[in-house]
Structures are given as structure tokens and as C-alpha cells.
Amino acid sequence: MNEIKFGTDGWRGVIAADFTFERVALVATAATQVLAECYGKTSGSRTVVVGYDRRFMAETFAKKTAEVVQSLGFDVLLSESYAPTPAFSWAANNQNALGALVLTASHNPASYLGLKVKGAFGGSVPPEITQKIEAKLAQPPTSAPTPGKIQSFDPWSSYCDALRSKINLASIQNLISQGKLTVFADVMHGAAAGGLSKILNVPIQELNSSRDPLFGGGAPEPLPRYLSQLFRQIRTHRRQTEGTLRVGLVFDGDSDRIAAVDGQGNFLSSQILIPILIEHLASRRQETGEVVKTISGSDLIPQIAQLYQLPLHETPIGYKYIADRMLSTQVLLGGEESGGIGYGTHIPERDALLSALYLLEAIAESGMDLSQLYQSLQEQVGYTSVYDRIDLHLAGMDERSRLLNQLQTQPPTEINGQAVVDCLTIDGYKFRLADGSWLLIRFSGTEPVLRLYCEASTPEQVRQTLNWAKDWANRNQG
């Protein structure tokens, strides 16, 4: 079995191989004890929220987790149904609990399940707390003389009420009811299923809403290769109903990541959605606060922040860094290129349903397609770019070490014919080039995988730069 190690957001493993009832009991025990140590005094609580998504046996593992927490003398609020991970983060904060233990593997393939640990504040616990959990795993199991109580709860009602309160619901409802906007939602067989309908209370076109633990043979990740059905439906709708607005919204397995498809059937990553959301919140909603981006975020993001005179803060990649910032200062929006976006007026947590609602509100109040909104922003600041990312699998960890050493001792001074003018090393190696484009080279911490990110003015430049990076890696692996 692989060692139990927490990644950027929880512990994940292959069901029956790494992720077993015995190991879940160990993690649940350690996590509950650490949550009590870290948040017990400030919250005054002895309650832990336990929730789950729609993966294979997720509810059974959640029941086991609840029984373990109960045996330790803590009370449990056990979800009566699947729900988005942000709903359980909301519940932890709203119910004044010690935190939440959520059985989910997010966007991972079907063979995985995992456990995310959320703090009393309503977001993922920081690395120093997961390190404490890992340190406790070697301790023998314990139980309390008096067990706690398990009570079931509805994770949807309070969460949906909270999201409704943040938007102009009527403007969205009216546009849909009048037939001027058609909303497609690809929930990828995941925990967002039924969510938009519950909140909006108007008809939408939901795709892949059935429970399928195999996720149609793919993975519940909002990437173009998994969205062929959504692309077809939107393009068919466009041919049949010219002159109306349409949008596709895509949610990952536990509904903390989002992507979209515009009215023409084009994929929109969060690199495009984040600038649209900043403009909507700052301009139409008149909200303010700091914009937080990771180093892999588009160069358009700081330009839109500057357009609306908003401060900008840049972090390493990983939403935990954004969440930390949200706990220490007033943040308008914090987002990462992989689809996680959160808001300072909500909990310090990625929330795809709230992002979807803000995007719908932007469409309703502007009367424009998402790509029209994006193009308008590009024109306002005079900046156009194309972005892409690829993962390059290396032969082994030795090759990873060799490439890392090469970057540390002999970093490139020229990339794809362009001089390197700057190199940022807060997370990997981000090379700024003379023509304004950039290339980011990062390594997975746990696998022999090289992650390559690029933004440039044309698709050809992006492709050529990424190919240069692949050739560089292949030459230097030895």
C-alpha cells in the first residue's frame, strides 16, 4: 500500500488498494483529534460534519467515518445525501462545527476515493494541520467512555439559501423563463447534480445527471476531452435557435471547480472566466477587494484588476494559498487556472455553483455571451492572448531530479528564439520572454510528471513554446 500522505486538498487513494475502511478509520480518528485541538477552544464545539459525493461506496465510507468520530466522543452531523464539497465547508462554518470530513476524490478517475478535511472557518485546513494529522496516524486507536451522537442533516437547504442571497436571482430567472437564455449544465455524474435547478427554480438542461461511479469511462474533470456531448448539444441548439443566448456550465466531481462553454460551442477555461468574473463583480455589483491569482494565471487578470483599481496578490499554485490570503485580508476573488474560484463574501473555499451563478448574472445583466464579454475586456485593455498546458510524463524520479538540477544550475537564457528577461521561482520556474509571453515549468511533488504552462499572443506561439519545453526535457533527461 502507498503511504497515507495529504496532497493539496486531502488524502486520496485507489479504492480497496490504498483506500480501505481500516485506513479511513485511522485518518478519521487523527483528523477529528487534530480538529478538536486546533478549533475546539475558538468554536466551543464538539461536532464534526461528515459528507460525501457520488463515488462508488462514498456513502458507506461516510457512515464508517461518522461511527469512528462518534466513538471518539464527538457528535456527528451526517449528511442525508450527496452534496458539493463547498456545501459541507459551508455547513462546518454555519453549524459552528469543529470542521468537516468529506468523502470525495474530486476530479480523479473512478477508481479513487478520498477524504478532505475542512476547518471550522469553512475551508481546507492548511498544510501545518494536515502534517499534524499525518503525525498522529501511527498512534493506536482510541475510543471515549461515552460515545457521541449521530444526527442526519440536509446539506442543500442552507447552502442553496446562502448562494441565492448573493445574486440577483430574478434577473436570471426572467431571462430563462422568457426563453432568451438556455442554460446547459454538465454535472459529469457528480455532486453538482440538481444544484442549479434547486437554486434557480427554473428549467435548465442538465447533462450526465445520473449517478455513474465510472463517470462514463472518463473522469469528472472539466476538460474539453470529456465534454463532447455538451459541445454537440450547444452547437445543435445554436443552429435551431439563432438570436438567443445560451451557455454551458461544467462542474467537476465534487463541484469545487468550474469551466464553461460559450454560445458558439467554444470551451472557456477559468483563465477566461476569472477576468469576466472580476469585471462583473467590480463593475455591475460595485464590489471591491484584492484579486488573488496563482502564478499560472493569465496576464489578463492583473490588467483587469488594474482597470478597476483593485490590488493584486500572486501566490504559488494551489488553492490553499488563496484561502490563506482570504483569511487575512479583504478579497474580491481568488482563482486558479485549474478551475477553482472563491469569493471574499463567501467562505474561503472554491465554489463552482456560486461561480456559475455569477456568470449567469453577468449574462443576464449585460445581455452578452460570455465570449463577447471576454472580447470586450481584451479590447478595453489592449491585450489578447492564448493559453495552454500539457503534462509530460518522465521515465522516473531520477529524471525528475536531473531536470530540476538543470533548471537550478543552468536555466535557459533563450526559449523558442526569445530571450528570457525574467524568471520567477516561487513555484517552479516561470520564464518571462522578450515578446511578453511566458513559460512555466513545474514538477509534481509525488509523481515523475513535468507540468508545462504557456501564454502567448497566438496559438502557434503557444504550441511552439510548449514543444520547445518538451524537447528541452527530453534532451536533458540523460
Protein backbone atom coordinates (compact mmCIF):
# COMPACT_ATOMS: atom_id res chain seq x y z
CA MET A 1 0.00 0.00 0.00
CA ASN A 2 1.06 3.57 -0.63
CA GLU A 3 1.80 5.71 2.41
CA ILE A 4 -1.05 7.91 3.61
CA LYS A 5 0.00 11.40 2.54
CA PHE A 6 -2.12 14.52 2.23
CA GLY A 7 -1.87 16.39 -1.08
CA THR A 8 -3.04 19.88 -1.93
CA ASP A 9 -6.56 19.09 -0.69
CA GLY A 10 -6.88 15.92 1.34
CA TRP A 11 -5.82 12.29 1.06
CA ARG A 12 -6.77 10.19 -1.97
CA GLY A 13 -6.18 6.57 -2.90
CA VAL A 14 -7.36 3.72 -5.08
CA ILE A 15 -10.43 2.04 -3.57
CA ALA A 16 -9.65 -1.36 -1.95
CA ALA A 17 -5.92 -0.98 -2.66
CA ASP A 18 -4.99 2.16 -0.70
CA PHE A 19 -8.39 3.45 0.35
CA THR A 20 -9.82 0.89 2.79
CA PHE A 21 -12.20 1.03 5.76
CA GLU A 22 -9.33 0.38 8.18
CA ARG A 23 -7.24 3.23 6.78
CA VAL A 24 -10.21 5.62 6.61
CA ALA A 25 -10.83 4.88 10.31
CA LEU A 26 -7.20 5.80 11.08
CA VAL A 27 -7.41 9.06 9.13
CA ALA A 28 -10.82 9.98 10.58
CA THR A 29 -9.53 9.39 14.11
CA ALA A 30 -6.43 11.52 13.62
CA ALA A 31 -8.29 14.26 11.75
CA THR A 32 -11.00 14.56 14.42
CA GLN A 33 -8.45 14.78 17.21
CA VAL A 34 -6.47 17.47 15.38
CA LEU A 35 -9.63 19.46 14.51
CA ALA A 36 -10.53 19.44 18.22
CA GLU A 37 -7.03 20.56 19.21
CA CYS A 38 -6.95 23.38 16.64
CA TYR A 39 -10.52 24.66 16.63
CA GLY A 40 -12.10 23.37 19.85
CA LYS A 41 -11.33 26.40 22.01
CA THR A 42 -12.39 29.04 19.49
CA SER A 43 -15.55 27.23 18.36
CA GLY A 44 -16.56 25.69 21.69
CA SER A 45 -17.87 22.81 19.60
CA ARG A 46 -17.80 19.01 19.86
CA THR A 47 -19.46 18.43 16.48
CA VAL A 48 -17.99 17.26 13.19
CA VAL A 49 -19.80 17.40 9.83
CA VAL A 50 -19.45 14.28 7.65
CA GLY A 51 -20.40 14.43 3.96
CA TYR A 52 -19.82 12.64 0.67
CA ASP A 53 -20.07 12.82 -3.11
CA ARG A 54 -21.47 10.26 -5.61
CA ARG A 55 -18.45 7.97 -5.99
CA PHE A 56 -18.53 4.23 -5.52
CA MET A 57 -19.37 3.41 -1.87
CA ALA A 58 -18.85 7.04 -0.81
CA GLU A 59 -21.92 6.99 1.47
CA THR A 60 -20.75 3.70 3.06
CA PHE A 61 -17.32 5.16 3.80
CA ALA A 62 -19.06 8.28 5.18
CA LYS A 63 -21.14 6.14 7.55
CA LYS A 64 -17.96 4.40 8.75
CA THR A 65 -16.30 7.79 9.24
CA ALA A 66 -19.28 9.03 11.26
CA GLU A 67 -19.15 5.94 13.51
CA VAL A 68 -15.43 6.46 14.13
CA VAL A 69 -15.95 10.12 15.06
CA GLN A 70 -18.85 9.11 17.33
CA SER A 71 -16.70 6.52 19.11
CA LEU A 72 -14.23 9.25 20.00
CA GLY A 73 -16.94 11.06 21.98
CA PHE A 74 -17.82 13.68 19.37
CA ASP A 75 -21.21 14.45 17.91
CA VAL A 76 -21.69 14.00 14.16
CA LEU A 77 -23.83 15.77 11.60
CA LEU A 78 -24.02 13.09 8.89
CA SER A 79 -25.28 14.18 5.51
CA GLU A 80 -28.50 12.52 4.37
CA SER A 81 -27.44 12.80 0.70
CA TYR A 82 -24.55 13.60 -1.59
CA ALA A 83 -23.75 17.30 -1.99
CA PRO A 84 -20.96 19.57 -3.29
CA THR A 85 -17.87 19.74 -1.13
CA PRO A 86 -18.41 23.54 -0.70
CA ALA A 87 -21.80 22.73 0.86
CA PHE A 88 -20.04 20.80 3.63
CA SER A 89 -17.48 23.58 4.09
CA TRP A 90 -20.44 25.95 4.41
CA ALA A 91 -22.11 23.62 6.92
CA ALA A 92 -18.97 23.43 9.07
CA ASN A 93 -18.94 27.22 9.36
CA ASN A 94 -22.70 27.73 9.50
CA GLN A 95 -23.25 25.00 12.13
CA ASN A 96 -20.32 26.18 14.26
CA ALA A 97 -18.70 22.75 13.97
CA LEU A 98 -15.07 21.79 14.52
CA GLY A 99 -14.87 21.13 10.81
CA ALA A 100 -15.98 18.68 8.14
CA LEU A 101 -14.72 15.35 6.82
CA VAL A 102 -15.79 14.92 3.20
CA LEU A 103 -15.56 11.61 1.32
CA THR A 104 -14.63 12.63 -2.22
CA ALA A 105 -11.86 12.28 -4.78
CA SER A 106 -12.88 15.45 -6.62
CA HIS A 107 -11.85 15.18 -10.30
CA ASN A 108 -9.78 11.99 -10.01
CA PRO A 109 -10.61 8.87 -12.10
CA ALA A 110 -13.31 6.44 -10.97
CA SER A 111 -11.03 4.05 -9.09
CA TYR A 112 -10.19 6.72 -6.50
CA LEU A 113 -11.87 7.90 -3.33
CA GLY A 114 -10.52 10.37 -0.82
CA LEU A 115 -11.08 12.32 2.36
CA LYS A 116 -10.93 16.11 2.51
CA VAL A 117 -10.55 17.86 5.86
CA LYS A 118 -12.26 21.23 6.28
CA GLY A 119 -11.73 23.59 9.21
CA ALA A 120 -14.26 25.38 11.39
CA PHE A 121 -13.78 28.53 9.28
CA GLY A 122 -15.28 26.80 6.21
CA GLY A 123 -12.30 25.92 4.05
CA SER A 124 -9.48 23.41 3.59
CA VAL A 125 -7.16 23.15 6.58
CA PRO A 126 -3.63 24.48 5.98
CA PRO A 127 -0.57 22.22 5.50
CA GLU A 128 0.57 22.53 9.11
CA ILE A 129 -2.71 20.90 10.22
CA THR A 130 -2.53 18.06 7.69
CA GLN A 131 1.03 17.46 8.89
CA LYS A 132 -0.30 17.07 12.44
CA ILE A 133 -2.89 14.59 11.14
CA GLU A 134 -0.20 12.55 9.38
CA ALA A 135 1.92 12.54 12.54
CA LYS A 136 -0.97 11.06 14.57
CA LEU A 137 -1.60 8.16 12.18
CA ALA A 138 0.95 5.94 13.92
CA GLN A 139 -0.81 6.26 17.28
CA PRO A 140 -3.01 3.35 18.42
CA PRO A 141 -6.80 3.76 18.01
CA THR A 142 -8.71 5.16 20.96
CA SER A 143 -12.33 5.47 22.00
CA ALA A 144 -14.22 7.56 24.54
CA PRO A 145 -16.09 6.08 27.52
CA THR A 146 -19.22 7.87 26.30
CA PRO A 147 -19.81 7.94 22.54
CA GLY A 148 -21.24 10.99 20.82
CA LYS A 149 -24.47 11.22 18.86
CA ILE A 150 -25.04 10.91 15.11
CA GLN A 151 -27.69 13.14 13.61
CA SER A 152 -28.56 13.35 9.92
CA PHE A 153 -28.91 16.70 8.18
CA ASP A 154 -29.86 18.16 4.80
CA PRO A 155 -26.70 19.70 3.30
CA TRP A 156 -28.52 21.50 0.49
CA SER A 157 -31.13 23.85 2.02
CA SER A 158 -28.96 26.30 3.98
CA TYR A 159 -26.23 26.21 1.33
CA CYS A 160 -28.65 27.00 -1.51
CA ASP A 161 -30.24 29.80 0.54
CA ALA A 162 -26.78 31.30 1.07
CA LEU A 163 -25.97 31.23 -2.66
CA ARG A 164 -29.35 32.69 -3.64
CA SER A 165 -28.76 35.61 -1.30
CA LYS A 166 -25.60 36.61 -3.19
CA ILE A 167 -27.13 37.15 -6.64
CA ASN A 168 -29.95 38.95 -8.42
CA LEU A 169 -31.96 35.77 -8.80
CA ALA A 170 -34.90 37.43 -10.57
CA SER A 171 -32.77 38.73 -13.45
CA ILE A 172 -31.56 35.21 -14.25
CA GLN A 173 -34.96 33.60 -13.76
CA ASN A 174 -36.68 36.15 -16.02
CA LEU A 175 -34.24 35.69 -18.89
CA ILE A 176 -34.58 31.88 -18.75
CA SER A 177 -38.38 31.95 -18.31
CA GLN A 178 -38.75 34.27 -21.32
CA GLY A 179 -36.77 31.86 -23.49
CA LYS A 180 -33.98 34.40 -24.03
CA LEU A 181 -31.33 32.27 -22.28
CA THR A 182 -30.87 28.49 -22.33
CA VAL A 183 -28.62 27.05 -19.65
CA PHE A 184 -26.86 23.70 -20.12
CA ALA A 185 -25.17 22.20 -17.04
CA ASP A 186 -22.80 19.24 -17.40
CA VAL A 187 -22.51 17.89 -13.86
CA MET A 188 -20.30 14.99 -15.02
CA HIS A 189 -22.28 12.46 -12.89
CA GLY A 190 -21.02 14.34 -9.84
CA ALA A 191 -22.22 16.13 -6.74
CA ALA A 192 -23.48 19.27 -8.52
CA ALA A 193 -26.39 17.23 -9.93
CA GLY A 194 -29.65 19.06 -9.31
CA GLY A 195 -27.86 22.04 -7.77
CA LEU A 196 -28.63 24.79 -10.28
CA SER A 197 -32.25 23.67 -10.55
CA LYS A 198 -32.66 23.81 -6.76
CA ILE A 199 -31.25 27.33 -6.65
CA LEU A 200 -32.83 28.84 -9.77
CA ASN A 201 -36.18 27.04 -9.68
CA VAL A 202 -36.48 27.37 -13.47
CA PRO A 203 -35.88 24.73 -16.17
CA ILE A 204 -32.30 24.09 -17.28
CA GLN A 205 -30.77 21.39 -19.48
CA GLU A 206 -28.74 19.16 -17.15
CA LEU A 207 -26.37 16.61 -18.74
CA ASN A 208 -24.85 13.50 -17.14
CA SER A 209 -27.02 13.90 -14.07
CA SER A 210 -27.35 10.18 -13.29
CA ARG A 211 -25.11 8.54 -10.73
CA ASP A 212 -22.37 6.69 -12.60
CA PRO A 213 -19.38 5.66 -10.46
CA LEU A 214 -17.43 5.02 -13.70
CA PHE A 215 -18.09 8.58 -14.98
CA GLY A 216 -18.91 7.38 -18.47
CA GLY A 217 -15.46 5.85 -18.79
CA GLY A 218 -13.67 9.18 -18.30
CA ALA A 219 -13.01 11.36 -15.27
CA PRO A 220 -15.20 14.09 -13.73
CA GLU A 221 -12.77 16.84 -14.69
CA PRO A 222 -13.92 19.96 -16.61
CA LEU A 223 -11.65 19.50 -19.63
CA PRO A 224 -12.62 19.56 -23.35
CA ARG A 225 -11.85 15.88 -23.92
CA TYR A 226 -14.71 14.89 -21.58
CA LEU A 227 -17.30 17.34 -22.94
CA SER A 228 -18.19 16.11 -26.43
CA GLN A 229 -21.89 15.70 -25.53
CA LEU A 230 -22.11 19.27 -24.23
CA PHE A 231 -20.38 20.67 -27.31
CA ARG A 232 -22.85 18.81 -29.58
CA GLN A 233 -25.92 19.97 -27.69
CA ILE A 234 -24.90 23.62 -27.65
CA ARG A 235 -23.98 23.65 -31.34
CA THR A 236 -27.27 21.95 -32.24
CA HIS A 237 -29.18 24.48 -30.14
CA ARG A 238 -27.34 27.33 -31.86
CA ARG A 239 -28.42 26.09 -35.31
CA GLN A 240 -32.03 25.69 -34.19
CA THR A 241 -32.43 28.92 -32.21
CA GLU A 242 -30.41 31.77 -33.68
CA GLY A 243 -30.66 35.10 -31.89
CA THR A 244 -30.96 33.75 -28.33
CA LEU A 245 -28.35 33.38 -25.61
CA ARG A 246 -27.04 30.03 -24.44
CA VAL A 247 -24.30 28.89 -22.09
CA GLY A 248 -22.83 25.61 -20.88
CA LEU A 249 -21.58 25.32 -17.31
CA VAL A 250 -19.31 22.44 -16.30
CA PHE A 251 -18.77 21.12 -12.77
CA ASP A 252 -16.17 18.64 -11.57
CA GLY A 253 -16.95 15.61 -9.41
CA ASP A 254 -17.40 17.46 -6.12
CA SER A 255 -18.39 20.84 -7.59
CA ASP A 256 -15.47 22.96 -6.46
CA ARG A 257 -14.06 23.51 -10.00
CA ILE A 258 -15.79 25.11 -12.97
CA ALA A 259 -15.39 25.59 -16.70
CA ALA A 260 -17.84 26.85 -19.32
CA VAL A 261 -18.83 26.61 -22.98
CA ASP A 262 -19.95 29.75 -24.81
CA GLY A 263 -22.98 30.14 -27.05
CA GLN A 264 -20.98 29.12 -30.13
CA GLY A 265 -19.75 25.89 -28.54
CA ASN A 266 -16.23 27.03 -27.58
CA PHE A 267 -14.57 25.83 -24.37
CA LEU A 268 -13.81 28.52 -21.77
CA SER A 269 -11.32 27.70 -19.04
CA SER A 270 -11.04 29.67 -15.81
CA GLN A 271 -8.27 31.71 -17.49
CA ILE A 272 -11.16 33.29 -19.43
CA LEU A 273 -13.82 33.10 -16.71
CA ILE A 274 -11.79 34.84 -13.98
CA PRO A 275 -11.41 38.15 -15.91
CA ILE A 276 -15.15 38.06 -16.73
CA LEU A 277 -15.98 37.49 -13.05
CA ILE A 278 -13.67 40.28 -11.86
CA GLU A 279 -15.30 42.71 -14.28
CA HIS A 280 -18.80 41.64 -13.24
CA LEU A 281 -18.16 41.89 -9.50
CA ALA A 282 -16.29 45.19 -9.72
CA SER A 283 -18.41 46.90 -12.38
CA ARG A 284 -22.01 45.72 -12.12
CA ARG A 285 -22.02 44.67 -8.47
CA GLN A 286 -19.72 47.51 -7.32
CA GLU A 287 -17.78 45.17 -5.02
CA THR A 288 -14.16 45.66 -4.07
CA GLY A 289 -11.22 43.84 -2.56
CA GLU A 290 -7.97 42.22 -3.56
CA VAL A 291 -7.68 39.97 -6.60
CA VAL A 292 -5.65 36.85 -5.82
CA LYS A 293 -4.13 34.79 -8.63
CA THR A 294 -1.66 31.95 -8.82
CA ILE A 295 1.50 32.31 -10.92
CA SER A 296 -0.08 30.21 -13.68
CA GLY A 297 -2.96 32.68 -14.06
CA SER A 298 -3.38 34.69 -17.25
CA ASP A 299 -1.63 38.05 -17.69
CA LEU A 300 -5.07 39.48 -18.45
CA ILE A 301 -6.03 39.10 -14.79
CA PRO A 302 -3.68 41.80 -13.43
CA GLN A 303 -4.67 44.09 -16.29
CA ILE A 304 -8.37 43.79 -15.43
CA ALA A 305 -7.53 44.33 -11.75
CA GLN A 306 -5.65 47.49 -12.68
CA LEU A 307 -8.55 48.62 -14.89
CA TYR A 308 -10.81 48.60 -11.83
CA GLN A 309 -8.08 49.85 -9.46
CA LEU A 310 -8.07 46.64 -7.44
CA PRO A 311 -4.96 45.43 -5.57
CA LEU A 312 -3.41 42.19 -6.85
CA HIS A 313 -1.67 39.40 -4.94
CA GLU A 314 0.12 36.46 -6.59
CA THR A 315 0.63 33.06 -4.93
CA PRO A 316 2.16 29.67 -5.70
CA ILE A 317 -0.20 27.17 -7.35
CA GLY A 318 -2.73 25.57 -5.01
CA TYR A 319 -5.98 26.94 -3.62
CA LYS A 320 -4.69 26.62 -0.04
CA TYR A 321 -2.52 29.69 -0.69
CA ILE A 322 -5.54 31.65 -1.92
CA ALA A 323 -7.61 30.53 1.08
CA ASP A 324 -4.86 31.66 3.48
CA ARG A 325 -4.95 35.09 1.84
CA MET A 326 -8.74 35.22 2.11
CA LEU A 327 -8.47 34.67 5.86
CA SER A 328 -6.07 37.59 6.31
CA THR A 329 -7.39 40.37 4.06
CA GLN A 330 -10.44 41.55 2.12
CA VAL A 331 -10.51 39.61 -1.15
CA LEU A 332 -12.83 40.20 -4.07
CA LEU A 333 -11.98 36.97 -5.87
CA GLY A 334 -9.26 34.34 -5.77
CA GLY A 335 -8.79 31.91 -8.64
CA GLU A 336 -6.53 29.27 -10.12
CA GLU A 337 -6.13 28.10 -13.71
CA SER A 338 -7.46 24.62 -12.93
CA GLY A 339 -10.95 25.97 -12.28
CA GLY A 340 -11.06 26.70 -8.54
CA ILE A 341 -12.54 30.15 -7.84
CA GLY A 342 -13.63 31.58 -4.48
CA TYR A 343 -15.07 34.86 -3.20
CA GLY A 344 -14.39 37.09 -0.22
CA THR A 345 -18.11 37.49 0.50
CA HIS A 346 -18.47 33.71 0.90
CA ILE A 347 -16.41 31.08 2.72
CA PRO A 348 -12.67 30.77 1.91
CA GLU A 349 -13.36 27.87 -0.42
CA ARG A 350 -13.61 27.14 -4.15
CA ASP A 351 -17.29 27.04 -5.11
CA ALA A 352 -18.32 26.14 -8.66
CA LEU A 353 -22.06 26.68 -8.14
CA LEU A 354 -21.52 30.21 -6.88
CA SER A 355 -19.21 30.91 -9.83
CA ALA A 356 -21.90 29.59 -12.18
CA LEU A 357 -24.49 31.90 -10.63
CA TYR A 358 -22.23 34.95 -11.00
CA LEU A 359 -21.59 34.02 -14.66
CA LEU A 360 -25.34 33.71 -15.28
CA GLU A 361 -25.89 37.05 -13.57
CA ALA A 362 -23.22 38.62 -15.81
CA ILE A 363 -25.00 37.28 -18.91
CA ALA A 364 -28.42 38.39 -17.67
CA GLU A 365 -27.35 41.92 -16.75
CA SER A 366 -25.16 42.53 -19.79
CA GLY A 367 -27.25 40.70 -22.38
CA MET A 368 -23.99 39.35 -23.82
CA ASP A 369 -22.48 35.93 -24.45
CA LEU A 370 -19.50 35.02 -22.25
CA SER A 371 -17.08 35.23 -25.18
CA GLN A 372 -18.43 38.67 -26.09
CA LEU A 373 -17.77 39.79 -22.52
CA TYR A 374 -14.25 38.39 -22.70
CA GLN A 375 -13.52 40.01 -26.06
CA SER A 376 -14.77 43.35 -24.74
CA LEU A 377 -12.32 43.13 -21.84
CA GLN A 378 -9.44 42.30 -24.16
CA GLU A 379 -10.29 45.34 -26.28
CA GLN A 380 -10.52 47.64 -23.26
CA VAL A 381 -7.00 46.82 -22.08
CA GLY A 382 -5.49 46.12 -25.50
CA TYR A 383 -4.31 42.63 -24.62
CA THR A 384 -5.04 39.36 -26.45
CA SER A 385 -3.56 36.00 -25.54
CA VAL A 386 -3.85 32.24 -25.89
CA TYR A 387 -3.12 29.76 -23.09
CA ASP A 388 -2.45 26.03 -22.91
CA ARG A 389 -0.96 23.49 -20.54
CA ILE A 390 0.40 19.97 -21.01
CA ASP A 391 1.68 17.31 -18.61
CA LEU A 392 4.80 15.42 -19.65
CA HIS A 393 5.35 12.02 -18.03
CA LEU A 394 9.01 11.31 -17.25
CA ALA A 395 10.71 7.92 -17.11
CA GLY A 396 11.18 8.11 -13.33
CA MET A 397 12.02 10.24 -10.31
CA ASP A 398 15.73 10.20 -11.21
CA GLU A 399 14.91 12.01 -14.46
CA ARG A 400 12.85 14.47 -12.45
CA SER A 401 15.85 15.19 -10.22
CA ARG A 402 18.12 15.59 -13.23
CA LEU A 403 15.82 18.16 -14.86
CA LEU A 404 15.39 20.04 -11.59
CA ASN A 405 19.15 20.24 -11.19
CA GLN A 406 19.44 21.54 -14.77
CA LEU A 407 16.96 24.34 -14.03
CA GLN A 408 18.76 25.23 -10.81
CA THR A 409 22.27 25.29 -12.27
CA GLN A 410 21.84 26.07 -15.97
CA PRO A 411 18.44 27.66 -16.60
CA PRO A 412 17.74 28.54 -20.24
CA THR A 413 18.58 32.08 -21.36
CA GLU A 414 16.61 31.73 -24.59
CA ILE A 415 13.35 29.86 -25.23
CA ASN A 416 11.90 29.28 -28.71
CA GLY A 417 14.07 32.04 -30.14
CA GLN A 418 13.05 34.57 -27.46
CA ALA A 419 15.40 35.91 -24.81
CA VAL A 420 14.50 35.19 -21.18
CA VAL A 421 14.05 38.56 -19.44
CA ASP A 422 12.92 37.34 -16.01
CA CYS A 423 12.50 34.12 -14.01
CA LEU A 424 10.10 33.75 -11.06
CA THR A 425 10.79 30.78 -8.76
CA ILE A 426 8.12 30.90 -6.04
CA ASP A 427 6.63 27.72 -7.53
CA GLY A 428 8.59 26.02 -10.29
CA TYR A 429 10.34 28.18 -12.89
CA LYS A 430 8.30 30.84 -14.69
CA PHE A 431 10.28 32.33 -17.57
CA ARG A 432 9.11 35.71 -18.90
CA LEU A 433 10.20 36.15 -22.53
CA ALA A 434 11.13 39.23 -24.57
CA ASP A 435 7.90 39.16 -26.62
CA GLY A 436 5.73 39.25 -23.47
CA SER A 437 4.88 35.54 -23.47
CA TRP A 438 5.74 33.20 -20.61
CA LEU A 439 6.56 29.55 -19.95
CA LEU A 440 6.14 27.90 -16.56
CA ILE A 441 7.90 24.60 -15.78
CA ARG A 442 6.75 22.81 -12.61
CA PHE A 443 7.23 19.34 -11.20
CA SER A 444 4.66 17.16 -9.50
CA GLY A 445 5.70 16.59 -5.90
CA THR A 446 4.66 12.94 -5.88
CA GLU A 447 4.98 11.66 -9.45
CA PRO A 448 7.56 11.82 -12.26
CA VAL A 449 5.46 14.38 -14.11
CA LEU A 450 6.54 17.70 -15.60
CA ARG A 451 3.82 20.33 -15.91
CA LEU A 452 4.27 22.87 -18.70
CA TYR A 453 2.19 26.06 -18.93
CA CYS A 454 2.37 28.77 -21.60
CA GLU A 455 0.60 32.00 -22.51
CA ALA A 456 1.42 33.86 -25.75
CA SER A 457 -0.25 36.06 -28.35
CA THR A 458 -1.11 33.28 -30.84
CA PRO A 459 -1.95 29.56 -30.74
CA GLU A 460 1.12 28.88 -32.90
CA GLN A 461 3.44 30.58 -30.40
CA VAL A 462 1.95 28.60 -27.53
CA ARG A 463 2.33 25.33 -29.43
CA GLN A 464 5.91 26.10 -30.44
CA THR A 465 6.91 27.13 -26.92
CA LEU A 466 5.40 24.00 -25.35
CA ASN A 467 7.12 21.87 -27.99
CA TRP A 468 10.41 23.62 -27.16
CA ALA A 469 9.86 22.76 -23.49
CA LYS A 470 9.14 19.11 -24.30
CA ASP A 471 12.29 18.91 -26.45
CA TRP A 472 14.33 20.55 -23.68
CA ALA A 473 13.06 17.99 -21.17
CA ASN A 474 13.74 15.06 -23.48
CA ARG A 475 17.30 16.30 -24.23
CA ASN A 476 18.21 16.76 -20.58
CA GLN A 477 16.80 13.57 -19.06
CA GLY A 478 20.03 11.77 -19.89
